[in-house]
Amino acid sequence: MKKTLISISIIVLLLGVVIPVSSDISLEKNSFQIKINQDDDFDLIIITNAYLISELEPLFQHKNKYGIHTMIKTTEEIYQEYQGRDDAEKIKYFIKDAKEKWNISYVMLIGDQRFIPFRKSNVMPFDDIPYDFLSELYYADIYDSNGNFSSWDSDRDEIYCEWYNGSKAEDNQQDLTPDVAVGRIICFTIPDVQSIVNKIIDYESDKSDPSWFNNLVVAGGETYVEYEGFEGEIMTQNAIDVMKDFNPIKLWVSNGELDRLGINIIRSINQGCGFLYLAGHGNTHSWVTLSQEGETASIFTIFHLPFLFNKGEYPVCIISGCHVCKFSKSSCIGWNIIKKQYGGSIATIGPTSSGYLGFQWGGGGLDWLELQFFKEYAKGSHIIGDIWKDSITKYLDSYPIDWDLLAYLNCAIDAKMVQEWVLLGDPSLKIGGYPSTS
């Protein structure tokens, strides 16, 4: 989306105990006994560094308690057992093996780039768009269009999904359809791991009270002054129309419920909601929507997060705006709203790079993906990873990618949209939690 944001310079100091990354850490010293039958099927594979194993025991026990048959695999084990051109490809080969051996549905990556390497796509529809953007779809798209392992690098030059402005795709065999649901928890410190594990367990261990869960908080206004209509309000109203059983809390420019400082957004989140949908512009640190004159109407940033105190009433957050889930940055708002202790969201979905809306060029766009997310939930799909996976699959069914077209045409933009739309959080998360077993 266009750079109509107020520039914000941010210095983030990360406090806490930094997780060491050392290849010679003893797995036995830091692990707990996982007694599993390797011949069984598994639902969820957790991939992380050996040092974090002991911190994940409560999550492992919790998932199995609720019927999500779970395995934990360390990167140290994967790098020893699998071959590949780099560590990311070794992990992907393991995911392929796990899908074929154990019929897994969900892959949870725990750690930042020091633990789980990133893969960057090189789709460049226009010259002014960053092309080497983060894509977790790489780990989910196991098979190419011929049913073989999808390397995303058919010309083997170690540049992935090359498709540059004015050219046909140099890598053209990937189909981008996710074969598993992938979510990442980007932990920088041991307290972060403990906090997120506790947050997931607390959220899922009891069915959410409808008094707060059935609130759908939406915020938006003008996104593009050169187009007719308030795009943020149109997009969020479309979600409201789908989520018929939810109580809409409309924070719009047109109804006067948005304030420039974002105080009403904080207040509405703190009252509890099952879903939070912000439709506007964004950057790594902030989200913003505009007035009809193109001025800032309201803003929500990482500096707002300390004022969120919605403990136990965490929403699934959908953020529409450029770079809001660019998780290579420690201050990415999409991750930090999850990381917030005693408040924030339980999961966030959004783009890692520049986002586009379908009406701008006649394709799909972030607005199509986001609305499909709500449609999948309304149809009864309540595991967040299933919704993410099915939304992307249906997008590609509606807007199939033709890699022989020139990159500045619709298909390259559609490819970029699905590649950059990431799930930050637990892909096996049961939205709304499970009925209490006590």
Protein backbone atom coordinates (compact mmCIF):
# COMPACT_ATOMS: atom_id res chain seq x y z
CA MET A 1 0.00 0.00 0.00
CA LYS A 2 1.11 3.59 -0.56
CA LYS A 3 3.39 5.20 1.97
CA THR A 4 0.88 7.64 3.48
CA LEU A 5 1.98 6.99 7.04
CA ILE A 6 3.51 9.33 9.54
CA SER A 7 7.17 8.31 9.78
CA ILE A 8 7.93 6.83 13.17
CA SER A 9 11.47 6.23 14.38
CA ILE A 10 11.59 3.50 16.95
CA ILE A 11 14.35 2.19 19.16
CA VAL A 12 13.39 -1.06 20.81
CA LEU A 13 15.31 -2.42 23.77
CA LEU A 14 14.68 -6.12 24.26
CA LEU A 15 14.74 -7.04 27.93
CA GLY A 16 14.96 -10.49 29.38
CA VAL A 17 17.23 -13.47 29.10
CA VAL A 18 18.37 -13.94 25.55
CA ILE A 19 18.07 -17.51 24.34
CA PRO A 20 21.53 -18.77 23.42
CA VAL A 21 22.02 -20.49 20.11
CA SER A 22 24.69 -23.11 20.45
CA SER A 23 25.13 -26.27 18.47
CA ASP A 24 26.80 -28.06 21.38
CA ILE A 25 23.96 -27.66 23.91
CA SER A 26 23.05 -31.04 25.34
CA LEU A 27 19.62 -32.12 24.22
CA GLU A 28 19.32 -34.59 27.09
CA LYS A 29 20.04 -31.92 29.66
CA ASN A 30 17.31 -29.63 28.39
CA SER A 31 14.67 -32.11 27.31
CA PHE A 32 11.84 -34.00 28.92
CA GLN A 33 10.86 -37.56 28.19
CA ILE A 34 8.48 -37.72 25.22
CA LYS A 35 7.12 -41.24 24.98
CA ILE A 36 5.54 -41.62 21.58
CA ASN A 37 5.00 -44.37 19.08
CA GLN A 38 6.80 -43.33 15.91
CA ASP A 39 4.38 -45.44 13.89
CA ASP A 40 1.38 -43.37 14.96
CA ASP A 41 -0.12 -40.51 13.03
CA PHE A 42 0.51 -37.00 14.34
CA ASP A 43 -1.51 -33.82 14.01
CA LEU A 44 1.07 -31.24 15.04
CA ILE A 45 4.84 -31.05 14.65
CA ILE A 46 6.65 -28.43 16.74
CA ILE A 47 10.07 -27.49 15.35
CA THR A 48 12.47 -25.57 17.57
CA ASN A 49 15.98 -25.45 19.00
CA ALA A 50 17.05 -28.08 21.53
CA TYR A 51 17.53 -25.45 24.24
CA LEU A 52 13.81 -24.70 24.31
CA ILE A 53 12.55 -28.27 24.73
CA SER A 54 12.01 -28.09 28.50
CA GLU A 55 10.03 -24.87 28.09
CA LEU A 56 7.62 -26.65 25.76
CA GLU A 57 6.67 -29.58 27.99
CA PRO A 58 3.47 -27.90 29.25
CA LEU A 59 2.37 -27.14 25.67
CA PHE A 60 3.17 -30.70 24.56
CA GLN A 61 1.07 -32.15 27.39
CA HIS A 62 -1.75 -29.67 26.78
CA LYS A 63 -2.04 -30.41 23.06
CA ASN A 64 -2.13 -34.16 23.58
CA LYS A 65 -4.73 -33.75 26.33
CA TYR A 66 -7.10 -32.17 23.81
CA GLY A 67 -6.51 -34.78 21.13
CA ILE A 68 -3.89 -32.90 19.09
CA HIS A 69 -1.30 -35.68 18.76
CA THR A 70 1.95 -33.76 18.97
CA MET A 71 5.63 -34.37 18.24
CA ILE A 72 8.54 -32.04 18.95
CA LYS A 73 11.54 -32.10 16.63
CA THR A 74 14.70 -30.06 17.13
CA THR A 75 16.58 -28.31 14.37
CA GLU A 76 19.73 -30.04 15.60
CA GLU A 77 18.14 -33.41 14.86
CA ILE A 78 16.83 -32.25 11.47
CA TYR A 79 20.20 -30.90 10.35
CA GLN A 80 21.85 -34.22 11.22
CA GLU A 81 19.20 -36.40 9.60
CA TYR A 82 18.30 -34.52 6.39
CA GLN A 83 20.16 -33.25 3.35
CA GLY A 84 19.47 -29.96 1.60
CA ARG A 85 21.17 -26.97 0.03
CA ASP A 86 20.70 -24.99 3.26
CA ASP A 87 19.08 -25.35 6.66
CA ALA A 88 15.68 -24.08 5.46
CA GLU A 89 15.54 -26.78 2.80
CA LYS A 90 16.52 -29.45 5.33
CA ILE A 91 13.60 -28.37 7.51
CA LYS A 92 11.27 -28.48 4.53
CA TYR A 93 12.41 -32.00 3.65
CA PHE A 94 11.61 -33.03 7.22
CA ILE A 95 8.13 -31.48 6.94
CA LYS A 96 7.60 -33.43 3.70
CA ASP A 97 8.74 -36.62 5.43
CA ALA A 98 6.45 -35.92 8.40
CA LYS A 99 3.48 -35.36 6.09
CA GLU A 100 4.09 -38.65 4.29
CA LYS A 101 4.96 -40.72 7.39
CA TRP A 102 2.54 -39.34 9.95
CA ASN A 103 -0.05 -37.38 7.96
CA ILE A 104 0.58 -34.17 9.89
CA SER A 105 -1.73 -31.20 9.48
CA TYR A 106 0.07 -28.44 11.43
CA VAL A 107 3.65 -27.20 11.76
CA MET A 108 4.53 -24.80 14.56
CA LEU A 109 7.89 -23.06 14.15
CA ILE A 110 9.19 -21.70 17.45
CA GLY A 111 12.01 -19.20 17.27
CA ASP A 112 13.35 -16.28 15.31
CA GLN A 113 15.89 -16.52 12.49
CA ARG A 114 18.56 -17.79 14.88
CA PHE A 115 16.48 -20.92 15.41
CA ILE A 116 14.31 -21.38 12.32
CA PRO A 117 15.73 -19.83 9.13
CA PHE A 118 13.58 -17.57 6.99
CA ARG A 119 12.92 -18.07 3.31
CA LYS A 120 12.52 -15.01 1.10
CA SER A 121 10.52 -14.87 -2.11
CA ASN A 122 11.65 -12.83 -5.10
CA VAL A 123 8.35 -11.99 -6.77
CA MET A 124 8.59 -8.39 -7.99
CA PRO A 125 5.46 -7.17 -9.81
CA PHE A 126 6.67 -3.54 -9.95
CA ASP A 127 10.06 -1.90 -9.68
CA ASP A 128 9.13 0.05 -6.54
CA ILE A 129 8.04 -3.02 -4.54
CA PRO A 130 10.56 -4.87 -2.31
CA TYR A 131 10.93 -8.33 -3.80
CA ASP A 132 12.97 -10.29 -1.26
CA PHE A 133 10.18 -10.59 1.29
CA LEU A 134 9.59 -13.21 3.99
CA SER A 135 7.29 -16.09 3.11
CA GLU A 136 6.29 -18.88 5.49
CA LEU A 137 4.29 -20.40 2.63
CA TYR A 138 7.63 -21.91 1.56
CA TYR A 139 7.41 -24.40 4.43
CA ALA A 140 3.72 -25.15 3.78
CA ASP A 141 3.90 -25.64 0.00
CA ILE A 142 5.56 -29.06 0.01
CA TYR A 143 4.87 -30.26 -3.53
CA ASP A 144 5.33 -28.54 -6.87
CA SER A 145 2.92 -28.65 -9.81
CA ASN A 146 4.31 -32.06 -10.81
CA GLY A 147 3.86 -33.60 -7.36
CA ASN A 148 7.58 -33.44 -6.55
CA PHE A 149 9.35 -31.66 -3.71
CA SER A 150 8.81 -27.93 -4.20
CA SER A 151 12.18 -26.21 -3.89
CA TRP A 152 10.83 -22.84 -5.12
CA ASP A 153 14.07 -22.77 -7.13
CA SER A 154 13.61 -24.72 -10.36
CA ASP A 155 16.63 -23.05 -12.00
CA ARG A 156 18.78 -23.91 -8.94
CA ASP A 157 20.46 -20.53 -8.56
CA GLU A 158 19.54 -20.23 -4.85
CA ILE A 159 17.22 -17.29 -5.54
CA TYR A 160 13.68 -18.38 -4.75
CA CYS A 161 10.49 -17.74 -6.73
CA GLU A 162 12.16 -15.35 -9.17
CA TRP A 163 9.60 -13.35 -11.11
CA TYR A 164 10.72 -9.85 -11.99
CA ASN A 165 8.91 -6.87 -13.45
CA GLY A 166 8.45 -7.28 -17.20
CA SER A 167 9.66 -10.89 -17.31
CA LYS A 168 8.29 -14.40 -17.13
CA ALA A 169 9.02 -16.36 -13.97
CA GLU A 170 12.48 -17.92 -13.76
CA ASP A 171 11.15 -20.37 -11.15
CA ASN A 172 7.86 -21.69 -12.43
CA GLN A 173 7.04 -25.10 -10.96
CA GLN A 174 5.78 -24.11 -7.50
CA ASP A 175 1.98 -24.18 -7.19
CA LEU A 176 1.92 -22.23 -3.85
CA THR A 177 -0.94 -24.37 -2.50
CA PRO A 178 -0.29 -25.12 1.19
CA ASP A 179 -0.16 -28.84 2.01
CA VAL A 180 0.08 -28.19 5.76
CA ALA A 181 -0.77 -25.21 7.94
CA VAL A 182 2.29 -23.35 9.22
CA GLY A 183 2.45 -20.81 12.04
CA ARG A 184 5.45 -19.22 13.70
CA ILE A 185 6.02 -18.09 17.28
CA ILE A 186 8.93 -15.66 17.15
CA CYS A 187 10.60 -15.99 20.53
CA PHE A 188 13.59 -13.85 21.42
CA THR A 189 13.82 -14.71 25.11
CA ILE A 190 13.04 -17.61 27.39
CA PRO A 191 10.38 -15.57 29.22
CA ASP A 192 8.73 -15.00 25.85
CA VAL A 193 8.47 -18.75 25.31
CA GLN A 194 7.02 -19.31 28.75
CA SER A 195 4.55 -16.45 28.34
CA ILE A 196 3.26 -17.62 24.96
CA VAL A 197 2.95 -21.23 26.09
CA ASN A 198 0.92 -20.15 29.12
CA LYS A 199 -1.21 -17.86 26.97
CA ILE A 200 -2.12 -20.66 24.54
CA ILE A 201 -2.88 -23.10 27.35
CA ASP A 202 -5.06 -20.61 29.23
CA TYR A 203 -6.92 -19.64 26.07
CA GLU A 204 -7.67 -23.18 24.92
CA SER A 205 -8.38 -24.76 28.31
CA ASP A 206 -11.86 -23.32 28.63
CA LYS A 207 -14.52 -22.25 26.18
CA SER A 208 -14.54 -18.48 25.78
CA ASP A 209 -17.43 -16.64 27.39
CA PRO A 210 -19.76 -15.27 24.69
CA SER A 211 -20.13 -12.04 26.71
CA TRP A 212 -16.73 -10.96 25.36
CA PHE A 213 -15.84 -13.49 22.67
CA ASN A 214 -18.83 -12.56 20.49
CA ASN A 215 -17.53 -9.02 20.12
CA LEU A 216 -16.02 -8.24 16.71
CA VAL A 217 -13.96 -5.05 16.90
CA VAL A 218 -13.24 -3.47 13.51
CA ALA A 219 -11.42 -0.26 12.66
CA GLY A 220 -11.04 1.52 9.35
CA GLY A 221 -11.66 4.60 7.32
CA GLU A 222 -10.18 5.99 4.12
CA THR A 223 -7.30 4.00 2.68
CA TYR A 224 -6.97 5.49 -0.81
CA VAL A 225 -8.27 9.01 -1.28
CA GLU A 226 -8.05 8.62 -5.06
CA TYR A 227 -10.68 5.86 -5.05
CA GLU A 228 -14.33 6.26 -4.21
CA GLY A 229 -15.53 5.04 -0.83
CA PHE A 230 -13.89 4.40 2.53
CA GLU A 231 -12.08 1.14 1.76
CA GLY A 232 -11.38 0.26 5.40
CA GLU A 233 -15.04 0.63 6.31
CA ILE A 234 -16.18 -1.36 3.28
CA MET A 235 -13.78 -4.21 4.07
CA THR A 236 -14.73 -4.40 7.73
CA GLN A 237 -18.45 -4.17 6.94
CA ASN A 238 -18.03 -7.15 4.62
CA ALA A 239 -16.58 -9.09 7.55
CA ILE A 240 -19.46 -7.99 9.79
CA ASP A 241 -21.96 -9.20 7.19
CA VAL A 242 -20.37 -12.65 7.28
CA MET A 243 -19.99 -12.89 11.07
CA LYS A 244 -23.72 -12.71 11.74
CA ASP A 245 -23.56 -14.14 15.28
CA PHE A 246 -21.11 -11.49 16.45
CA ASN A 247 -21.69 -8.09 17.98
CA PRO A 248 -19.93 -5.54 15.74
CA ILE A 249 -18.04 -2.70 17.39
CA LYS A 250 -17.45 -0.28 14.52
CA LEU A 251 -14.56 2.13 14.95
CA TRP A 252 -14.93 4.10 11.75
CA VAL A 253 -14.10 7.55 10.48
CA SER A 254 -17.66 8.00 9.24
CA ASN A 255 -19.32 7.33 12.61
CA GLY A 256 -16.88 9.39 14.66
CA GLU A 257 -15.72 6.44 16.77
CA LEU A 258 -12.05 6.79 15.83
CA ASP A 259 -9.75 9.22 17.59
CA ARG A 260 -6.39 10.29 16.25
CA LEU A 261 -4.43 8.78 19.14
CA GLY A 262 -6.07 5.35 18.93
CA ILE A 263 -7.50 5.48 22.45
CA ASN A 264 -10.84 4.00 21.36
CA ILE A 265 -9.03 1.06 19.78
CA ILE A 266 -7.28 0.34 23.08
CA ARG A 267 -10.54 0.74 25.02
CA SER A 268 -12.44 -1.63 22.72
CA ILE A 269 -9.76 -4.34 22.90
CA ASN A 270 -9.65 -4.07 26.69
CA GLN A 271 -13.40 -4.73 26.85
CA GLY A 272 -12.71 -8.14 25.27
CA CYS A 273 -13.32 -9.42 21.76
CA GLY A 274 -13.05 -12.66 19.84
CA PHE A 275 -11.75 -10.98 16.70
CA LEU A 276 -9.95 -7.72 15.94
CA TYR A 277 -9.84 -6.52 12.32
CA LEU A 278 -7.80 -3.44 11.41
CA ALA A 279 -8.08 -2.38 7.75
CA GLY A 280 -5.85 0.43 6.55
CA HIS A 281 -2.18 1.21 5.97
CA GLY A 282 0.75 -0.10 7.92
CA ASN A 283 4.45 -0.42 8.48
CA THR A 284 6.51 -2.70 10.69
CA HIS A 285 5.65 -0.78 13.85
CA SER A 286 2.21 0.66 13.28
CA TRP A 287 -1.21 0.61 11.65
CA VAL A 288 -3.09 3.73 10.53
CA THR A 289 -6.28 4.77 8.78
CA LEU A 290 -7.05 8.09 7.11
CA SER A 291 -9.74 10.73 6.90
CA GLN A 292 -11.46 11.63 3.65
CA GLU A 293 -8.87 14.40 3.24
CA GLY A 294 -6.00 11.93 3.55
CA GLU A 295 -5.01 12.98 7.08
CA THR A 296 -4.32 10.51 9.87
CA ALA A 297 -7.65 9.63 11.49
CA SER A 298 -6.35 7.03 13.95
CA ILE A 299 -3.18 5.10 14.64
CA PHE A 300 -2.29 1.92 16.54
CA THR A 301 1.39 1.19 17.22
CA ILE A 302 3.71 -0.92 19.32
CA PHE A 303 3.66 1.97 21.81
CA HIS A 304 -0.05 1.30 22.42
CA LEU A 305 0.55 -2.29 23.46
CA PRO A 306 1.59 -1.63 27.10
CA PHE A 307 -1.92 -0.22 27.63
CA LEU A 308 -3.68 -3.46 26.66
CA PHE A 309 -5.01 -5.31 29.73
CA ASN A 310 -7.44 -7.81 28.22
CA LYS A 311 -6.03 -10.80 30.09
CA GLY A 312 -7.91 -14.00 29.24
CA GLU A 313 -9.97 -12.25 26.56
CA TYR A 314 -7.56 -12.41 23.65
CA PRO A 315 -8.75 -11.82 20.08
CA VAL A 316 -7.55 -13.33 16.84
CA CYS A 317 -6.13 -10.27 15.11
CA ILE A 318 -6.30 -9.65 11.36
CA ILE A 319 -4.21 -6.64 10.32
CA SER A 320 -4.49 -5.27 6.79
CA GLY A 321 -1.57 -2.97 6.02
CA CYS A 322 1.93 -3.14 4.58
CA HIS A 323 4.72 -4.88 6.53
CA VAL A 324 2.71 -5.28 9.77
CA CYS A 325 3.86 -8.91 10.11
CA LYS A 326 7.42 -8.46 8.87
CA PHE A 327 8.68 -10.76 11.57
CA SER A 328 12.38 -10.34 10.81
CA LYS A 329 12.03 -7.14 12.86
CA SER A 330 11.84 -7.61 16.62
CA SER A 331 9.45 -4.67 16.84
CA CYS A 332 6.96 -6.02 14.28
CA ILE A 333 3.51 -5.04 15.56
CA GLY A 334 1.94 -8.34 14.41
CA TRP A 335 4.24 -10.31 16.70
CA ASN A 336 4.39 -7.87 19.58
CA ILE A 337 0.62 -7.82 20.06
CA ILE A 338 0.82 -11.60 20.63
CA LYS A 339 3.88 -11.32 22.85
CA LYS A 340 2.15 -8.82 25.15
CA GLN A 341 1.72 -10.36 28.60
CA TYR A 342 -1.74 -10.16 30.18
CA GLY A 343 -3.20 -8.69 27.04
CA GLY A 344 -2.94 -8.38 23.27
CA SER A 345 -3.95 -11.09 20.80
CA ILE A 346 -3.72 -14.88 20.76
CA ALA A 347 -2.68 -14.97 17.09
CA THR A 348 -2.13 -12.47 14.28
CA ILE A 349 -2.46 -12.79 10.51
CA GLY A 350 -1.12 -10.17 8.13
CA PRO A 351 1.38 -9.41 5.36
CA THR A 352 5.17 -9.34 5.64
CA SER A 353 5.56 -6.88 2.75
CA SER A 354 3.65 -4.39 0.59
CA GLY A 355 -0.06 -5.21 0.43
CA TYR A 356 -2.55 -4.55 -2.34
CA LEU A 357 -6.32 -4.59 -2.56
CA GLY A 358 -8.07 -6.39 -5.38
CA PHE A 359 -9.92 -3.41 -6.83
CA GLN A 360 -6.60 -1.72 -7.60
CA TRP A 361 -5.85 -4.09 -10.45
CA GLY A 362 -8.78 -6.49 -10.73
CA GLY A 363 -7.26 -9.42 -8.88
CA GLY A 364 -7.70 -10.89 -5.43
CA GLY A 365 -5.72 -8.92 -2.86
CA LEU A 366 -5.50 -8.80 0.90
CA ASP A 367 -9.18 -7.81 1.09
CA TRP A 368 -10.14 -11.10 -0.61
CA LEU A 369 -7.96 -13.19 1.72
CA GLU A 370 -9.17 -11.44 4.85
CA LEU A 371 -12.83 -11.77 3.96
CA GLN A 372 -12.30 -15.45 3.12
CA PHE A 373 -10.83 -15.94 6.59
CA PHE A 374 -14.10 -14.78 8.13
CA LYS A 375 -16.13 -16.85 5.67
CA GLU A 376 -14.24 -20.01 6.64
CA TYR A 377 -14.83 -19.34 10.33
CA ALA A 378 -18.52 -18.61 9.76
CA LYS A 379 -18.87 -21.93 7.92
CA GLY A 380 -17.66 -23.76 11.03
CA SER A 381 -13.88 -24.07 10.60
CA HIS A 382 -12.48 -23.08 13.99
CA ILE A 383 -8.85 -24.26 13.88
CA ILE A 384 -6.90 -21.19 12.85
CA GLY A 385 -4.36 -23.05 10.70
CA ASP A 386 -7.13 -24.75 8.73
CA ILE A 387 -8.69 -21.35 8.04
CA TRP A 388 -5.35 -19.87 6.92
CA LYS A 389 -4.63 -22.87 4.67
CA ASP A 390 -8.11 -23.06 3.14
CA SER A 391 -8.26 -19.30 2.54
CA ILE A 392 -5.03 -19.40 0.52
CA THR A 393 -6.13 -22.53 -1.35
CA LYS A 394 -9.44 -20.96 -2.37
CA TYR A 395 -7.69 -17.75 -3.36
CA LEU A 396 -5.47 -19.72 -5.74
CA ASP A 397 -8.48 -21.59 -7.09
CA SER A 398 -10.14 -18.25 -7.83
CA TYR A 399 -6.98 -16.56 -9.13
CA PRO A 400 -4.72 -19.29 -10.57
CA ILE A 401 -1.10 -18.30 -11.14
CA ASP A 402 0.24 -18.34 -14.71
CA TRP A 403 4.02 -18.16 -14.36
CA ASP A 404 4.41 -17.53 -18.11
CA LEU A 405 2.82 -14.10 -17.88
CA LEU A 406 4.92 -11.00 -17.36
CA ALA A 407 5.41 -10.06 -13.75
CA TYR A 408 3.66 -6.68 -13.81
CA LEU A 409 0.35 -8.37 -14.66
CA ASN A 410 -2.23 -9.62 -12.16
CA CYS A 411 -0.80 -13.07 -11.52
CA ALA A 412 2.46 -11.87 -9.99
CA ILE A 413 0.56 -9.66 -7.55
CA ASP A 414 -1.74 -12.55 -6.64
CA ALA A 415 1.31 -14.77 -6.06
CA LYS A 416 2.87 -12.14 -3.82
CA MET A 417 -0.30 -11.72 -1.76
CA VAL A 418 -0.54 -15.40 -0.79
CA GLN A 419 3.21 -15.70 -0.20
CA GLU A 420 3.38 -12.78 2.21
CA TRP A 421 0.19 -13.52 4.20
CA VAL A 422 1.52 -15.20 7.35
CA LEU A 423 0.09 -16.71 10.51
CA LEU A 424 1.94 -15.70 13.66
CA GLY A 425 0.87 -18.05 16.41
CA ASP A 426 -0.13 -21.66 16.97
CA PRO A 427 -1.57 -23.15 13.74
CA SER A 428 -3.45 -25.81 15.72
CA LEU A 429 -5.16 -23.19 17.90
CA LYS A 430 -8.84 -23.83 18.59
CA ILE A 431 -10.46 -20.41 18.20
CA GLY A 432 -12.66 -19.83 21.22
CA GLY A 433 -11.05 -22.65 23.20
CA TYR A 434 -12.25 -26.11 24.21
CA PRO A 435 -15.07 -26.91 26.63
CA SER A 436 -13.73 -27.30 30.15
CA THR A 437 -12.85 -30.88 31.15
CA SER A 438 -13.12 -30.18 34.91
